[in-house]
């Protein structure tokens, strides 16, 4: 009987404060929807970054400038020198800037 009495008491409280109950329900729904959307956006953007990195492939070549005049290291080539490749290497399809985080 206590369970039934508690249910009746709760129902009276909800019907007595209808606007408060509606606004509380609306707040809960908006909060749950916001969490679901944020998780979906985070997962989608993470997958987009993974796909973008996987498109680079393993045949990526990183070229960095020398630290300037070290013995045994050639000086950085100028752009027109790089165009005149004596070895006849295939031309790169794209040139990417170096990662500044390293």
Foldseek 3Di string as FASTA:
>chain_A
DVVVVVVVVVVVVCVVPVVVNVVVVVVVVVVVVVVVVVVVVVVVVVVVVVVVVVVVPPPDDDDDADPPDDPPDDHDDDPVVVVPDPVPDDDDPDDDDDDPPD
